[in-house]
Amino acid sequence: MTHTDTEPDLDQLFYVADSAIHGKGLFARAEIAADAYLGSYDGPETRDNGMHVLWVQEPSGEWIGRDGRNLLRYINHDRSPNAEFDGFDLYAIRDIQPDEEITIDYGDEFEA
């Protein structure tokens, strides 16, 4: 997937609230269409694992970690997610309703 839009204002798209899944979660303020670009996971690169580190494997096979600093760090895990990352860019994989929690599948290595 690629996007040509400018970076969305995450505060306009999402809010953070208590999650039934875990701790705090990220929730949609309004309806979001399938395939919509939702934003990029922003933060400094890191080699250390941590609570808000997103790991992405580069085509070279190298793993790059970013320690999340924007609202996307509040995305929780679900085996039936409504969003997914393509690199560090997040996209809706189905329509998302207002007040629905934004989720991704953390992968098979994830242990709840």
Protein backbone atom coordinates (compact mmCIF):
# COMPACT_ATOMS: atom_id res chain seq x y z
CA MET A 1 0.00 0.00 0.00
CA THR A 2 1.07 3.54 -0.57
CA HIS A 3 -0.37 6.88 0.35
CA THR A 4 -0.11 10.24 -1.32
CA ASP A 5 -2.08 12.21 1.26
CA THR A 6 -0.47 14.53 3.74
CA GLU A 7 -0.07 13.19 7.25
CA PRO A 8 -3.51 13.14 8.91
CA ASP A 9 -4.08 15.01 12.17
CA LEU A 10 -4.22 12.06 14.56
CA ASP A 11 -6.06 14.11 17.20
CA GLN A 12 -8.87 14.68 14.67
CA LEU A 13 -9.12 10.94 13.80
CA PHE A 14 -8.61 9.28 17.19
CA TYR A 15 -8.88 9.57 20.95
CA VAL A 16 -7.32 7.52 23.77
CA ALA A 17 -9.54 5.89 26.39
CA ASP A 18 -9.69 2.86 28.68
CA SER A 19 -9.68 -0.36 26.65
CA ALA A 20 -11.51 -3.62 27.31
CA ILE A 21 -8.51 -5.31 25.64
CA HIS A 22 -5.63 -3.84 27.67
CA GLY A 23 -4.92 -0.62 29.53
CA LYS A 24 -5.48 2.34 27.23
CA GLY A 25 -6.59 1.99 23.62
CA LEU A 26 -6.98 4.08 20.48
CA PHE A 27 -10.54 4.78 19.30
CA ALA A 28 -12.03 6.26 16.13
CA ARG A 29 -13.74 9.66 16.46
CA ALA A 30 -15.74 9.14 13.23
CA GLU A 31 -16.38 6.51 10.59
CA ILE A 32 -13.24 5.45 8.72
CA ALA A 33 -13.45 3.77 5.31
CA ALA A 34 -11.65 0.54 4.46
CA ASP A 35 -8.19 1.11 2.91
CA ALA A 36 -7.91 4.62 4.41
CA TYR A 37 -4.42 5.75 5.39
CA LEU A 38 -4.52 6.42 9.14
CA GLY A 39 -1.04 7.78 9.83
CA SER A 40 2.56 6.78 10.45
CA TYR A 41 4.04 5.33 13.61
CA ASP A 42 6.35 8.10 14.74
CA GLY A 43 9.21 7.98 17.19
CA PRO A 44 12.95 7.55 17.44
CA GLU A 45 14.64 4.44 16.08
CA THR A 46 15.69 1.98 18.76
CA ARG A 47 17.47 -1.34 19.08
CA ASP A 48 15.83 -2.02 22.45
CA ASN A 49 12.47 -3.68 22.91
CA GLY A 50 9.86 -1.83 24.92
CA MET A 51 6.15 -1.41 25.53
CA HIS A 52 5.58 0.95 22.57
CA VAL A 53 8.24 -0.31 20.13
CA LEU A 54 7.01 -1.31 16.68
CA TRP A 55 9.38 -3.62 14.78
CA VAL A 56 9.38 -3.64 10.97
CA GLN A 57 11.46 -5.94 8.80
CA GLU A 58 13.15 -4.16 5.91
CA PRO A 59 13.49 -5.84 2.48
CA SER A 60 17.17 -6.44 3.39
CA GLY A 61 15.99 -8.60 6.31
CA GLU A 62 17.12 -6.05 8.92
CA TRP A 63 14.67 -5.27 11.73
CA ILE A 64 14.05 -1.59 12.54
CA GLY A 65 12.33 -0.55 15.77
CA ARG A 66 10.57 2.73 16.51
CA ASP A 67 9.70 3.73 20.05
CA GLY A 68 6.24 5.24 19.51
CA ARG A 69 5.68 8.84 20.51
CA ASN A 70 2.38 9.61 18.77
CA LEU A 71 -1.17 8.35 19.42
CA LEU A 72 -0.62 5.19 17.36
CA ARG A 73 1.37 3.78 20.29
CA TYR A 74 -1.99 3.00 21.94
CA ILE A 75 -3.06 0.42 19.34
CA ASN A 76 -3.89 -2.91 20.98
CA HIS A 77 -3.77 -6.48 19.69
CA ASP A 78 -6.69 -8.41 18.23
CA ARG A 79 -6.69 -11.59 16.13
CA SER A 80 -9.49 -10.00 14.05
CA PRO A 81 -8.02 -6.52 13.59
CA ASN A 82 -9.50 -3.56 11.74
CA ALA A 83 -6.13 -2.04 10.75
CA GLU A 84 -2.64 -3.12 9.73
CA PHE A 85 0.77 -1.62 9.27
CA ASP A 86 2.57 -1.53 5.94
CA GLY A 87 6.01 -0.65 7.19
CA PHE A 88 5.36 2.17 9.66
CA ASP A 89 2.21 3.36 7.81
CA LEU A 90 -1.17 2.31 9.22
CA TYR A 91 -4.22 1.50 7.06
CA ALA A 92 -7.81 0.48 7.80
CA ILE A 93 -8.47 -3.04 6.48
CA ARG A 94 -12.24 -2.71 6.85
CA ASP A 95 -14.73 0.04 7.66
CA ILE A 96 -14.30 1.28 11.23
CA GLN A 97 -17.23 2.73 13.17
CA PRO A 98 -17.15 5.76 15.49
CA ASP A 99 -15.92 4.85 19.00
CA GLU A 100 -14.57 1.49 17.76
CA GLU A 101 -11.13 0.58 19.09
CA ILE A 102 -8.35 0.51 16.49
CA THR A 103 -6.57 -2.86 16.58
CA ILE A 104 -3.84 -4.75 14.77
CA ASP A 105 -2.68 -8.36 14.94
CA TYR A 106 0.66 -8.36 16.76
CA GLY A 107 1.56 -11.70 15.13
CA ASP A 108 2.10 -15.27 16.19
CA GLU A 109 5.02 -14.40 18.51
CA PHE A 110 2.78 -12.21 20.69
CA GLU A 111 1.77 -13.63 24.06
CA ALA A 112 -1.08 -11.87 25.85
